[in-house]
PDB file of N, CA and C in Angstrom:
ATOM      1  N   MET A   1       5.171 -16.299   8.206  1.00  0.00           N
ATOM      2  CA  MET A   1       4.911 -15.684   9.488  1.00  0.00           C
ATOM      3  C   MET A   1       6.397 -14.912  10.245  1.00  0.00           C
ATOM      4  N   ASN A   2       6.107 -14.285  11.103  1.00  0.00           N
ATOM      5  CA  ASN A   2       7.364 -13.346  11.341  1.00  0.00           C
ATOM      6  C   ASN A   2       7.406 -13.089  12.438  1.00  0.00           C
ATOM      7  N   ASP A   3       8.451 -13.419  13.551  1.00  0.00           N
ATOM      8  CA  ASP A   3       8.207 -13.207  14.904  1.00  0.00           C
ATOM      9  C   ASP A   3       8.563 -12.063  15.371  1.00  0.00           C
ATOM     10  N   THR A   4       9.219 -10.842  14.585  1.00  0.00           N
ATOM     11  CA  THR A   4       9.326 -10.063  15.049  1.00  0.00           C
ATOM     12  C   THR A   4       8.244  -8.473  14.330  1.00  0.00           C
ATOM     13  N   LYS A   5       8.354  -7.516  15.123  1.00  0.00           N
ATOM     14  CA  LYS A   5       7.345  -6.522  14.783  1.00  0.00           C
ATOM     15  C   LYS A   5       8.057  -5.389  14.154  1.00  0.00           C
ATOM     16  N   SER A   6       8.763  -5.574  13.170  1.00  0.00           N
ATOM     17  CA  SER A   6       9.473  -4.302  12.822  1.00  0.00           C
ATOM     18  C   SER A   6       8.929  -4.025  11.469  1.00  0.00           C
ATOM     19  N   LEU A   7       8.441  -2.535  11.318  1.00  0.00           N
ATOM     20  CA  LEU A   7       7.807  -1.869  10.503  1.00  0.00           C
ATOM     21  C   LEU A   7       8.702  -2.189   9.238  1.00  0.00           C
ATOM     22  N   ASP A   8      10.218  -1.830   9.234  1.00  0.00           N
ATOM     23  CA  ASP A   8      10.911  -2.006   8.601  1.00  0.00           C
ATOM     24  C   ASP A   8      11.365  -3.252   7.429  1.00  0.00           C
ATOM     25  N   GLU A   9      11.428  -4.319   8.628  1.00  0.00           N
ATOM     26  CA  GLU A   9      11.333  -5.592   8.004  1.00  0.00           C
ATOM     27  C   GLU A   9       9.916  -5.667   7.081  1.00  0.00           C
ATOM     28  N   THR A  10       9.135  -5.273   7.552  1.00  0.00           N
ATOM     29  CA  THR A  10       7.610  -5.725   6.835  1.00  0.00           C
ATOM     30  C   THR A  10       7.770  -5.237   5.537  1.00  0.00           C
ATOM     31  N   LEU A  11       8.109  -3.966   5.582  1.00  0.00           N
ATOM     32  CA  LEU A  11       8.195  -3.293   4.107  1.00  0.00           C
ATOM     33  C   LEU A  11       8.886  -3.698   3.198  1.00  0.00           C
ATOM     34  N   GLU A  12      10.253  -4.163   3.955  1.00  0.00           N
ATOM     35  CA  GLU A  12      11.254  -4.582   2.805  1.00  0.00           C
ATOM     36  C   GLU A  12      10.609  -6.117   2.380  1.00  0.00           C
ATOM     37  N   LEU A  13       9.859  -6.778   3.246  1.00  0.00           N
ATOM     38  CA  LEU A  13       9.371  -8.171   2.573  1.00  0.00           C
ATOM     39  C   LEU A  13       8.173  -7.635   1.442  1.00  0.00           C
ATOM     40  N   PHE A  14       7.385  -6.700   1.702  1.00  0.00           N
ATOM     41  CA  PHE A  14       6.474  -6.420   0.492  1.00  0.00           C
ATOM     42  C   PHE A  14       7.153  -6.051  -0.479  1.00  0.00           C
ATOM     43  N   ALA A  15       8.171  -5.051  -0.393  1.00  0.00           N
ATOM     44  CA  ALA A  15       9.041  -4.555  -1.594  1.00  0.00           C
ATOM     45  C   ALA A  15       9.495  -5.583  -2.606  1.00  0.00           C
ATOM     46  N   ALA A  16       9.805  -6.825  -1.664  1.00  0.00           N
ATOM     47  CA  ALA A  16      10.377  -7.802  -2.364  1.00  0.00           C
ATOM     48  C   ALA A  16       9.363  -8.724  -2.906  1.00  0.00           C
ATOM     49  N   GLY A  17       8.123  -8.557  -3.005  1.00  0.00           N
ATOM     50  CA  GLY A  17       6.983  -9.165  -3.440  1.00  0.00           C
ATOM     51  C   GLY A  17       6.391 -10.094  -2.682  1.00  0.00           C
ATOM     52  N   VAL A  18       6.393 -10.217  -1.486  1.00  0.00           N
ATOM     53  CA  VAL A  18       5.861 -10.811  -0.537  1.00  0.00           C
ATOM     54  C   VAL A  18       4.124 -10.280  -0.792  1.00  0.00           C
ATOM     55  N   ASP A  19       3.211 -11.163  -0.728  1.00  0.00           N
ATOM     56  CA  ASP A  19       1.931 -10.971  -0.493  1.00  0.00           C
ATOM     57  C   ASP A  19       1.358 -10.662   0.720  1.00  0.00           C
ATOM     58  N   ASP A  20       1.596 -11.021   1.797  1.00  0.00           N
ATOM     59  CA  ASP A  20       0.873 -11.199   2.959  1.00  0.00           C
ATOM     60  C   ASP A  20       2.481 -11.272   4.120  1.00  0.00           C
ATOM     61  N   VAL A  21       2.271 -10.834   5.251  1.00  0.00           N
ATOM     62  CA  VAL A  21       3.201 -10.846   6.477  1.00  0.00           C
ATOM     63  C   VAL A  21       2.089 -11.002   7.531  1.00  0.00           C
ATOM     64  N   VAL A  22       2.212 -12.431   8.463  1.00  0.00           N
ATOM     65  CA  VAL A  22       1.512 -12.509   9.865  1.00  0.00           C
ATOM     66  C   VAL A  22       2.383 -12.678  10.888  1.00  0.00           C
ATOM     67  N   ARG A  23       2.101 -12.461  11.954  1.00  0.00           N
ATOM     68  CA  ARG A  23       2.720 -12.184  13.007  1.00  0.00           C
ATOM     69  C   ARG A  23       2.389 -13.296  13.920  1.00  0.00           C
ATOM     70  N   LYS A  24       3.071 -13.855  14.680  1.00  0.00           N
ATOM     71  CA  LYS A  24       2.990 -15.003  15.568  1.00  0.00           C
ATOM     72  C   LYS A  24       2.478 -14.580  16.803  1.00  0.00           C
ATOM     73  N   PRO A  25       1.716 -15.025  17.451  1.00  0.00           N
ATOM     74  CA  PRO A  25       1.074 -16.415  17.114  1.00  0.00           C
ATOM     75  C   PRO A  25      -0.250 -15.964  16.377  1.00  0.00           C
ATOM     76  N   ILE A  26      -0.683 -16.994  15.590  1.00  0.00           N
ATOM     77  CA  ILE A  26      -1.683 -17.003  14.723  1.00  0.00           C
ATOM     78  C   ILE A  26      -2.477 -18.154  14.743  1.00  0.00           C
ATOM     79  N   HIS A  27      -3.904 -18.045  14.577  1.00  0.00           N
ATOM     80  CA  HIS A  27      -4.691 -19.039  15.069  1.00  0.00           C
ATOM     81  C   HIS A  27      -4.967 -20.137  13.604  1.00  0.00           C
ATOM     82  N   VAL A  28      -5.045 -21.012  13.866  1.00  0.00           N
ATOM     83  CA  VAL A  28      -5.292 -22.150  12.871  1.00  0.00           C
ATOM     84  C   VAL A  28      -6.469 -21.724  11.921  1.00  0.00           C
ATOM     85  N   ARG A  29      -7.419 -20.949  12.500  1.00  0.00           N
ATOM     86  CA  ARG A  29      -8.850 -20.624  11.664  1.00  0.00           C
ATOM     87  C   ARG A  29      -8.457 -19.336  10.715  1.00  0.00           C
ATOM     88  N   GLU A  30      -7.342 -18.518  11.124  1.00  0.00           N
ATOM     89  CA  GLU A  30      -7.196 -17.411  10.555  1.00  0.00           C
ATOM     90  C   GLU A  30      -6.311 -17.639   9.296  1.00  0.00           C
ATOM     91  N   ILE A  31      -5.657 -18.565   9.595  1.00  0.00           N
ATOM     92  CA  ILE A  31      -4.740 -19.331   8.435  1.00  0.00           C
ATOM     93  C   ILE A  31      -5.613 -20.092   7.565  1.00  0.00           C
ATOM     94  N   LEU A  32      -6.668 -20.732   7.719  1.00  0.00           N
ATOM     95  CA  LEU A  32      -7.616 -21.342   6.966  1.00  0.00           C
ATOM     96  C   LEU A  32      -8.390 -20.314   6.031  1.00  0.00           C
ATOM     97  N   ALA A  33      -8.715 -19.174   6.665  1.00  0.00           N
ATOM     98  CA  ALA A  33      -9.444 -18.374   6.251  1.00  0.00           C
ATOM     99  C   ALA A  33      -8.749 -17.499   4.998  1.00  0.00           C
ATOM    100  N   ARG A  34      -7.456 -17.274   5.287  1.00  0.00           N
ATOM    101  CA  ARG A  34      -6.515 -16.645   4.347  1.00  0.00           C
ATOM    102  C   ARG A  34      -6.488 -17.499   3.234  1.00  0.00           C
ATOM    103  N   ILE A  35      -6.361 -19.074   3.419  1.00  0.00           N
ATOM    104  CA  ILE A  35      -6.093 -19.864   2.239  1.00  0.00           C
ATOM    105  C   ILE A  35      -7.411 -19.875   1.263  1.00  0.00           C
ATOM    106  N   GLN A  36      -8.527 -19.931   1.954  1.00  0.00           N
ATOM    107  CA  GLN A  36      -9.874 -19.974   1.178  1.00  0.00           C
ATOM    108  C   GLN A  36      -9.876 -18.345   0.649  1.00  0.00           C
ATOM    109  N   ALA A  37      -9.510 -17.168   0.924  1.00  0.00           N
ATOM    110  CA  ALA A  37      -9.838 -16.122   0.107  1.00  0.00           C
ATOM    111  C   ALA A  37      -8.479 -16.382  -0.812  1.00  0.00           C
ATOM    112  N   ILE A  38      -7.494 -16.645  -0.864  1.00  0.00           N
ATOM    113  CA  ILE A  38      -6.442 -16.860  -1.916  1.00  0.00           C
ATOM    114  C   ILE A  38      -7.141 -17.526  -2.732  1.00  0.00           C
ATOM    115  N   ARG A  39      -7.637 -19.033  -2.427  1.00  0.00           N
ATOM    116  CA  ARG A  39      -8.224 -19.804  -3.400  1.00  0.00           C
ATOM    117  C   ARG A  39      -9.181 -19.106  -4.297  1.00  0.00           C
ATOM    118  N   GLY A  40      -9.906 -18.276  -3.678  1.00  0.00           N
ATOM    119  CA  GLY A  40     -11.392 -17.448  -4.192  1.00  0.00           C
ATOM    120  C   GLY A  40     -10.477 -16.632  -5.422  1.00  0.00           C
ATOM    121  N   ARG A  41      -9.646 -15.831  -5.109  1.00  0.00           N
ATOM    122  CA  ARG A  41      -8.922 -15.042  -6.012  1.00  0.00           C
ATOM    123  C   ARG A  41      -8.204 -15.948  -7.300  1.00  0.00           C
ATOM    124  N   ALA A  42      -7.774 -16.953  -6.791  1.00  0.00           N
ATOM    125  CA  ALA A  42      -7.206 -17.915  -7.994  1.00  0.00           C
ATOM    126  C   ALA A  42      -7.849 -18.107  -9.068  1.00  0.00           C
ATOM    127  N   LYS A  43      -9.122 -18.697  -8.583  1.00  0.00           N
ATOM    128  CA  LYS A  43     -10.352 -19.150  -9.174  1.00  0.00           C
ATOM    129  C   LYS A  43     -11.013 -18.055 -10.029  1.00  0.00           C
ATOM    130  N   ALA A  44     -10.983 -16.988  -9.474  1.00  0.00           N
ATOM    131  CA  ALA A  44     -11.254 -15.935 -10.615  1.00  0.00           C
ATOM    132  C   ALA A  44     -10.663 -15.434 -11.476  1.00  0.00           C
ATOM    133  N   ALA A  45      -9.083 -15.891 -11.114  1.00  0.00           N
ATOM    134  CA  ALA A  45      -8.021 -15.332 -12.205  1.00  0.00           C
ATOM    135  C   ALA A  45      -7.924 -16.641 -13.235  1.00  0.00           C
ATOM    136  N   SER A  46      -8.481 -17.516 -13.142  1.00  0.00           N
ATOM    137  CA  SER A  46      -8.197 -18.676 -14.064  1.00  0.00           C
ATOM    138  C   SER A  46      -8.929 -18.102 -15.487  1.00  0.00           C
ATOM    139  N   ASP A  47      -9.834 -17.628 -15.473  1.00  0.00           N
ATOM    140  CA  ASP A  47     -10.287 -16.833 -16.697  1.00  0.00           C
ATOM    141  C   ASP A  47      -9.166 -16.116 -17.571  1.00  0.00           C
ATOM    142  N   GLY A  48      -8.191 -15.452 -16.629  1.00  0.00           N
ATOM    143  CA  GLY A  48      -7.126 -14.483 -17.371  1.00  0.00           C
ATOM    144  C   GLY A  48      -7.396 -13.013 -17.104  1.00  0.00           C
ATOM    145  N   SER A  49      -6.506 -12.373 -17.021  1.00  0.00           N
ATOM    146  CA  SER A  49      -6.585 -10.875 -16.845  1.00  0.00           C
ATOM    147  C   SER A  49      -6.557 -10.155 -18.077  1.00  0.00           C
ATOM    148  N   VAL A  50      -7.404  -9.485 -18.440  1.00  0.00           N
ATOM    149  CA  VAL A  50      -7.461  -8.797 -19.819  1.00  0.00           C
ATOM    150  C   VAL A  50      -7.203  -7.107 -19.514  1.00  0.00           C
ATOM    151  N   VAL A  51      -6.442  -6.762 -20.638  1.00  0.00           N
ATOM    152  CA  VAL A  51      -6.108  -5.568 -20.925  1.00  0.00           C
ATOM    153  C   VAL A  51      -6.057  -5.306 -22.120  1.00  0.00           C
ATOM    154  N   GLY A  52      -7.041  -4.631 -22.581  1.00  0.00           N
ATOM    155  CA  GLY A  52      -7.543  -4.120 -23.947  1.00  0.00           C
ATOM    156  C   GLY A  52      -7.739  -5.477 -25.019  1.00  0.00           C
ATOM    157  N   GLU A  53      -6.804  -5.863 -25.746  1.00  0.00           N
ATOM    158  CA  GLU A  53      -7.102  -7.136 -26.515  1.00  0.00           C
ATOM    159  C   GLU A  53      -5.793  -8.181 -25.902  1.00  0.00           C
ATOM    160  N   LEU A  54      -5.576  -7.942 -25.008  1.00  0.00           N
ATOM    161  CA  LEU A  54      -4.409  -8.850 -24.336  1.00  0.00           C
ATOM    162  C   LEU A  54      -5.030  -9.534 -23.297  1.00  0.00           C
ATOM    163  N   ARG A  55      -4.959 -10.937 -23.110  1.00  0.00           N
ATOM    164  CA  ARG A  55      -5.570 -11.790 -22.193  1.00  0.00           C
ATOM    165  C   ARG A  55      -4.329 -12.723 -21.856  1.00  0.00           C
ATOM    166  N   VAL A  56      -4.152 -12.386 -20.515  1.00  0.00           N
ATOM    167  CA  VAL A  56      -3.249 -13.038 -19.676  1.00  0.00           C
ATOM    168  C   VAL A  56      -3.616 -13.813 -18.837  1.00  0.00           C
ATOM    169  N   PHE A  57      -3.130 -15.232 -18.464  1.00  0.00           N
ATOM    170  CA  PHE A  57      -3.183 -16.252 -17.872  1.00  0.00           C
ATOM    171  C   PHE A  57      -2.194 -16.344 -16.648  1.00  0.00           C
ATOM    172  N   SER A  58      -2.582 -16.669 -15.486  1.00  0.00           N
ATOM    173  CA  SER A  58      -1.321 -16.878 -14.454  1.00  0.00           C
ATOM    174  C   SER A  58      -1.520 -18.458 -14.048  1.00  0.00           C
ATOM    175  N   ASP A  59      -1.828 -19.242 -14.804  1.00  0.00           N
ATOM    176  CA  ASP A  59      -1.692 -20.531 -14.778  1.00  0.00           C
ATOM    177  C   ASP A  59      -0.796 -21.391 -15.614  1.00  0.00           C
ATOM    178  N   GLY A  60       0.240 -20.612 -16.307  1.00  0.00           N
ATOM    179  CA  GLY A  60       1.103 -21.325 -17.160  1.00  0.00           C
ATOM    180  C   GLY A  60       0.841 -21.169 -18.818  1.00  0.00           C
ATOM    181  N   ARG A  61      -0.288 -20.655 -19.229  1.00  0.00           N
ATOM    182  CA  ARG A  61      -0.695 -20.931 -20.471  1.00  0.00           C
ATOM    183  C   ARG A  61      -0.092 -19.749 -21.051  1.00  0.00           C
ATOM    184  N   ASP A  62       0.121 -19.833 -22.296  1.00  0.00           N
ATOM    185  CA  ASP A  62       0.300 -18.695 -22.834  1.00  0.00           C
ATOM    186  C   ASP A  62      -0.575 -17.527 -23.084  1.00  0.00           C
ATOM    187  N   PRO A  63       0.124 -16.255 -23.386  1.00  0.00           N
ATOM    188  CA  PRO A  63      -1.016 -15.012 -23.420  1.00  0.00           C
ATOM    189  C   PRO A  63      -2.058 -15.148 -24.966  1.00  0.00           C
ATOM    190  N   GLU A  64      -2.913 -14.502 -24.724  1.00  0.00           N
ATOM    191  CA  GLU A  64      -3.688 -14.186 -26.432  1.00  0.00           C
ATOM    192  C   GLU A  64      -3.819 -12.810 -26.723  1.00  0.00           C
ATOM    193  N   VAL A  65      -3.577 -12.427 -27.722  1.00  0.00           N
ATOM    194  CA  VAL A  65      -3.730 -11.441 -28.380  1.00  0.00           C
ATOM    195  C   VAL A  65      -5.152 -11.515 -29.470  1.00  0.00           C
ATOM    196  N   ALA A  66      -6.090 -10.646 -29.178  1.00  0.00           N
ATOM    197  CA  ALA A  66      -7.256 -10.645 -29.852  1.00  0.00           C
ATOM    198  C   ALA A  66      -7.347 -12.261 -30.352  1.00  0.00           C
ATOM    199  N   GLY A  67      -7.387 -13.089 -29.220  1.00  0.00           N
ATOM    200  CA  GLY A  67      -7.934 -14.190 -29.423  1.00  0.00           C
ATOM    201  C   GLY A  67      -6.753 -15.335 -29.863  1.00  0.00           C
ATOM    202  N   GLU A  68      -5.850 -14.866 -30.512  1.00  0.00           N
ATOM    203  CA  GLU A  68      -4.581 -15.476 -30.986  1.00  0.00           C
ATOM    204  C   GLU A  68      -3.712 -15.704 -30.014  1.00  0.00           C
ATOM    205  N   VAL A  69      -3.005 -16.845 -29.689  1.00  0.00           N
ATOM    206  CA  VAL A  69      -2.027 -17.190 -28.623  1.00  0.00           C
ATOM    207  C   VAL A  69      -0.848 -16.613 -29.524  1.00  0.00           C
ATOM    208  N   LEU A  70      -0.165 -16.058 -28.053  1.00  0.00           N
ATOM    209  CA  LEU A  70       1.153 -15.538 -28.365  1.00  0.00           C
ATOM    210  C   LEU A  70       2.484 -16.258 -27.510  1.00  0.00           C
ATOM    211  N   PRO A  71       2.677 -17.157 -28.381  1.00  0.00           N
ATOM    212  CA  PRO A  71       4.053 -17.990 -27.720  1.00  0.00           C
ATOM    213  C   PRO A  71       5.131 -17.134 -26.847  1.00  0.00           C
ATOM    214  N   LEU A  72       5.267 -17.525 -25.968  1.00  0.00           N
ATOM    215  CA  LEU A  72       6.301 -16.514 -24.968  1.00  0.00           C
ATOM    216  C   LEU A  72       7.352 -17.445 -24.451  1.00  0.00           C
ATOM    217  N   PRO A  73       8.770 -17.233 -24.115  1.00  0.00           N
ATOM    218  CA  PRO A  73       9.571 -17.812 -23.329  1.00  0.00           C
ATOM    219  C   PRO A  73       9.053 -18.015 -21.898  1.00  0.00           C
ATOM    220  N   ARG A  74       9.192 -18.939 -20.862  1.00  0.00           N
ATOM    221  CA  ARG A  74       8.513 -18.897 -19.830  1.00  0.00           C
ATOM    222  C   ARG A  74       8.777 -17.583 -18.708  1.00  0.00           C
ATOM    223  N   ARG A  75      10.252 -17.219 -19.134  1.00  0.00           N
ATOM    224  CA  ARG A  75      10.551 -15.826 -18.345  1.00  0.00           C
ATOM    225  C   ARG A  75       9.901 -14.773 -18.754  1.00  0.00           C
ATOM    226  N   GLU A  76       9.702 -14.639 -20.136  1.00  0.00           N
ATOM    227  CA  GLU A  76       8.983 -13.525 -20.672  1.00  0.00           C
ATOM    228  C   GLU A  76       7.385 -13.219 -20.299  1.00  0.00           C
ATOM    229  N   ARG A  77       6.938 -14.497 -20.240  1.00  0.00           N
ATOM    230  CA  ARG A  77       5.333 -15.034 -19.474  1.00  0.00           C
ATOM    231  C   ARG A  77       5.221 -14.516 -18.233  1.00  0.00           C
ATOM    232  N   ARG A  78       6.421 -14.939 -17.423  1.00  0.00           N
ATOM    233  CA  ARG A  78       6.306 -14.304 -16.086  1.00  0.00           C
ATOM    234  C   ARG A  78       6.326 -12.818 -15.780  1.00  0.00           C
ATOM    235  N   ILE A  79       6.953 -12.357 -16.502  1.00  0.00           N
ATOM    236  CA  ILE A  79       7.264 -10.716 -16.554  1.00  0.00           C
ATOM    237  C   ILE A  79       5.660 -10.318 -17.174  1.00  0.00           C
ATOM    238  N   LEU A  80       5.520 -10.477 -17.858  1.00  0.00           N
ATOM    239  CA  LEU A  80       4.268 -10.249 -18.622  1.00  0.00           C
ATOM    240  C   LEU A  80       3.033 -10.445 -17.503  1.00  0.00           C
ATOM    241  N   GLU A  81       2.669 -11.519 -16.762  1.00  0.00           N
ATOM    242  CA  GLU A  81       2.151 -12.142 -15.644  1.00  0.00           C
ATOM    243  C   GLU A  81       2.008 -10.824 -14.477  1.00  0.00           C
ATOM    244  N   TYR A  82       3.215 -10.742 -14.274  1.00  0.00           N
ATOM    245  CA  TYR A  82       3.421  -9.799 -13.027  1.00  0.00           C
ATOM    246  C   TYR A  82       3.235  -8.348 -13.493  1.00  0.00           C
ATOM    247  N   LEU A  83       3.312  -7.940 -14.754  1.00  0.00           N
ATOM    248  CA  LEU A  83       3.118  -6.328 -15.021  1.00  0.00           C
ATOM    249  C   LEU A  83       1.629  -6.374 -14.908  1.00  0.00           C
ATOM    250  N   VAL A  84       0.873  -7.452 -15.674  1.00  0.00           N
ATOM    251  CA  VAL A  84      -0.428  -7.400 -15.808  1.00  0.00           C
ATOM    252  C   VAL A  84      -1.044  -7.398 -14.393  1.00  0.00           C
ATOM    253  N   SER A  85      -0.592  -8.346 -13.578  1.00  0.00           N
ATOM    254  CA  SER A  85      -1.146  -8.342 -12.213  1.00  0.00           C
ATOM    255  C   SER A  85      -0.986  -7.011 -11.460  1.00  0.00           C
ATOM    256  N   ASN A  86      -0.296  -6.254 -11.856  1.00  0.00           N
ATOM    257  CA  ASN A  86      -0.127  -4.892 -11.044  1.00  0.00           C
ATOM    258  C   ASN A  86      -0.207  -3.720 -12.189  1.00  0.00           C
ATOM    259  N   TYR A  87      -0.986  -4.039 -12.866  1.00  0.00           N
ATOM    260  CA  TYR A  87      -1.427  -2.869 -13.917  1.00  0.00           C
ATOM    261  C   TYR A  87      -2.149  -1.898 -13.433  1.00  0.00           C
ATOM    262  N   GLY A  88      -1.683  -0.543 -13.407  1.00  0.00           N
ATOM    263  CA  GLY A  88      -1.782   0.663 -13.022  1.00  0.00           C
ATOM    264  C   GLY A  88      -1.043   1.133 -11.538  1.00  0.00           C
ATOM    265  N   CYS A  89      -0.161   0.285 -11.346  1.00  0.00           N
ATOM    266  CA  CYS A  89       0.918   0.574 -10.087  1.00  0.00           C
ATOM    267  C   CYS A  89       2.376   0.565 -10.745  1.00  0.00           C
ATOM    268  N   ARG A  90       3.010   1.099  -9.905  1.00  0.00           N
ATOM    269  CA  ARG A  90       4.283   1.160 -10.351  1.00  0.00           C
ATOM    270  C   ARG A  90       4.897   0.006  -9.789  1.00  0.00           C
ATOM    271  N   VAL A  91       5.728  -0.634 -10.435  1.00  0.00           N
ATOM    272  CA  VAL A  91       6.659  -1.803  -9.868  1.00  0.00           C
ATOM    273  C   VAL A  91       8.151  -1.343 -10.080  1.00  0.00           C
ATOM    274  N   THR A  92       9.128  -1.868  -9.416  1.00  0.00           N
ATOM    275  CA  THR A  92      10.654  -2.199  -9.613  1.00  0.00           C
ATOM    276  C   THR A  92      11.130  -3.291 -10.184  1.00  0.00           C
ATOM    277  N   LYS A  93      12.484  -3.200 -10.807  1.00  0.00           N
ATOM    278  CA  LYS A  93      12.980  -4.309 -11.413  1.00  0.00           C
ATOM    279  C   LYS A  93      13.102  -5.153 -10.197  1.00  0.00           C
ATOM    280  N   THR A  94      13.658  -4.684  -9.105  1.00  0.00           N
ATOM    281  CA  THR A  94      13.442  -5.626  -7.931  1.00  0.00           C
ATOM    282  C   THR A  94      12.387  -6.605  -7.746  1.00  0.00           C
ATOM    283  N   GLN A  95      11.444  -6.198  -7.766  1.00  0.00           N
ATOM    284  CA  GLN A  95      10.100  -6.731  -7.811  1.00  0.00           C
ATOM    285  C   GLN A  95       9.898  -7.650  -8.860  1.00  0.00           C
ATOM    286  N   ILE A  96       9.912  -7.341  -9.854  1.00  0.00           N
ATOM    287  CA  ILE A  96       9.835  -8.140 -11.038  1.00  0.00           C
ATOM    288  C   ILE A  96      10.817  -9.364 -11.187  1.00  0.00           C
ATOM    289  N   PHE A  97      12.376  -9.080 -10.634  1.00  0.00           N
ATOM    290  CA  PHE A  97      13.057 -10.032 -10.625  1.00  0.00           C
ATOM    291  C   PHE A  97      12.521 -10.864  -9.528  1.00  0.00           C
ATOM    292  N   ASN A  98      12.197 -10.833  -8.341  1.00  0.00           N
ATOM    293  CA  ASN A  98      11.677 -11.638  -7.364  1.00  0.00           C
ATOM    294  C   ASN A  98      10.815 -12.335  -7.881  1.00  0.00           C
ATOM    295  N   TYR A  99       9.821 -11.565  -8.306  1.00  0.00           N
ATOM    296  CA  TYR A  99       8.471 -12.776  -8.699  1.00  0.00           C
ATOM    297  C   TYR A  99       8.908 -13.721 -10.004  1.00  0.00           C
ATOM    298  N   VAL A 100       9.998 -13.214 -11.186  1.00  0.00           N
ATOM    299  CA  VAL A 100      10.328 -14.226 -11.877  1.00  0.00           C
ATOM    300  C   VAL A 100      11.394 -15.610 -11.489  1.00  0.00           C
ATOM    301  N   TYR A 101      12.094 -14.885 -10.488  1.00  0.00           N
ATOM    302  CA  TYR A 101      13.309 -15.972 -10.328  1.00  0.00           C
ATOM    303  C   TYR A 101      13.004 -16.510  -8.833  1.00  0.00           C
ATOM    304  N   GLY A 102      12.052 -15.798  -7.895  1.00  0.00           N
ATOM    305  CA  GLY A 102      11.976 -15.902  -6.544  1.00  0.00           C
ATOM    306  C   GLY A 102      12.901 -15.198  -5.537  1.00  0.00           C
ATOM    307  N   LEU A 103      12.333 -15.241  -4.518  1.00  0.00           N
ATOM    308  CA  LEU A 103      13.193 -14.345  -3.714  1.00  0.00           C
ATOM    309  C   LEU A 103      14.516 -14.034  -3.219  1.00  0.00           C
ATOM    310  N   PHE A 104      14.985 -15.481  -2.876  1.00  0.00           N
ATOM    311  CA  PHE A 104      16.158 -15.955  -2.653  1.00  0.00           C
ATOM    312  C   PHE A 104      16.700 -17.122  -3.541  1.00  0.00           C
ATOM    313  N   SER A 105      16.733 -17.183  -4.454  1.00  0.00           N
ATOM    314  CA  SER A 105      17.390 -18.166  -5.300  1.00  0.00           C
ATOM    315  C   SER A 105      19.125 -18.274  -5.638  1.00  0.00           C
ATOM    316  N   GLU A 106      19.349 -19.165  -5.232  1.00  0.00           N
ATOM    317  CA  GLU A 106      20.612 -19.902  -5.033  1.00  0.00           C
ATOM    318  C   GLU A 106      21.363 -19.700  -6.653  1.00  0.00           C
ATOM    319  N   ASP A 107      20.418 -20.407  -7.636  1.00  0.00           N
ATOM    320  CA  ASP A 107      20.858 -20.505  -8.695  1.00  0.00           C
ATOM    321  C   ASP A 107      21.549 -19.101  -9.286  1.00  0.00           C
ATOM    322  N   ILE A 108      20.676 -18.135  -9.019  1.00  0.00           N
ATOM    323  CA  ILE A 108      20.772 -16.835  -9.486  1.00  0.00           C
ATOM    324  C   ILE A 108      21.883 -16.155  -8.827  1.00  0.00           C
ATOM    325  N   ASP A 109      22.190 -16.382  -7.585  1.00  0.00           N
ATOM    326  CA  ASP A 109      23.264 -15.831  -6.860  1.00  0.00           C
ATOM    327  C   ASP A 109      24.524 -16.483  -7.571  1.00  0.00           C
ATOM    328  N   ALA A 110      24.497 -17.696  -7.893  1.00  0.00           N
ATOM    329  CA  ALA A 110      25.894 -18.231  -8.325  1.00  0.00           C
ATOM    330  C   ALA A 110      26.111 -17.773  -9.413  1.00  0.00           C
ATOM    331  N   LEU A 111      25.307 -17.318 -10.517  1.00  0.00           N
ATOM    332  CA  LEU A 111      25.555 -17.110 -11.619  1.00  0.00           C
ATOM    333  C   LEU A 111      25.994 -15.750 -11.614  1.00  0.00           C
ATOM    334  N   ALA A 112      25.397 -14.719 -10.791  1.00  0.00           N
ATOM    335  CA  ALA A 112      25.834 -13.246 -10.578  1.00  0.00           C
ATOM    336  C   ALA A 112      27.412 -13.321 -10.048  1.00  0.00           C
ATOM    337  N   LYS A 113      27.584 -14.159  -9.248  1.00  0.00           N
ATOM    338  CA  LYS A 113      29.027 -14.644  -9.066  1.00  0.00           C
ATOM    339  C   LYS A 113      29.760 -14.526  -9.793  1.00  0.00           C
ATOM    340  N   ARG A 114      29.579 -15.762 -11.017  1.00  0.00           N
ATOM    341  CA  ARG A 114      30.357 -16.421 -11.911  1.00  0.00           C
ATOM    342  C   ARG A 114      30.445 -14.906 -13.185  1.00  0.00           C
ATOM    343  N   GLN A 115      29.355 -14.224 -13.252  1.00  0.00           N
ATOM    344  CA  GLN A 115      29.582 -13.254 -14.121  1.00  0.00           C
ATOM    345  C   GLN A 115      30.228 -12.211 -13.506  1.00  0.00           C
ATOM    346  N   SER A 116      30.205 -12.086 -12.542  1.00  0.00           N
ATOM    347  CA  SER A 116      31.416 -10.794 -11.819  1.00  0.00           C
ATOM    348  C   SER A 116      32.808 -11.155 -12.154  1.00  0.00           C
ATOM    349  N   TRP A 117      33.279 -12.634 -12.010  1.00  0.00           N
ATOM    350  CA  TRP A 117      34.405 -13.015 -11.980  1.00  0.00           C
ATOM    351  C   TRP A 117      35.053 -12.833 -13.530  1.00  0.00           C
ATOM    352  N   ALA A 118      34.338 -13.158 -14.532  1.00  0.00           N
ATOM    353  CA  ALA A 118      34.405 -13.013 -15.834  1.00  0.00           C
ATOM    354  C   ALA A 118      34.995 -11.583 -16.239  1.00  0.00           C
TER     355      ALA A 118
END
């Protein structure tokens, strides 16, 4: 939820990977309707997304290639999930980074600071 009605701020949030922005005041019934819509999409995605012979799941399971499980480290699996969920769209490194690590992760900021001092 956002108090301001700045188009630039809204566009920055979307560019950072936010799925939706709603303005205050918002009715409880609208929030519940949005939750139902998200749950419906999540349920549909439980079978995974298929691109060619690749099936990618968004529930933490490893992807499958031609029916064979492809074990991936968590970070690589999250990158693949994001790329497949945005198949056909142009995405930036920042969008991928924010999806994998979260919008404002303190751990990543601390790591970046340590690396810049080295």
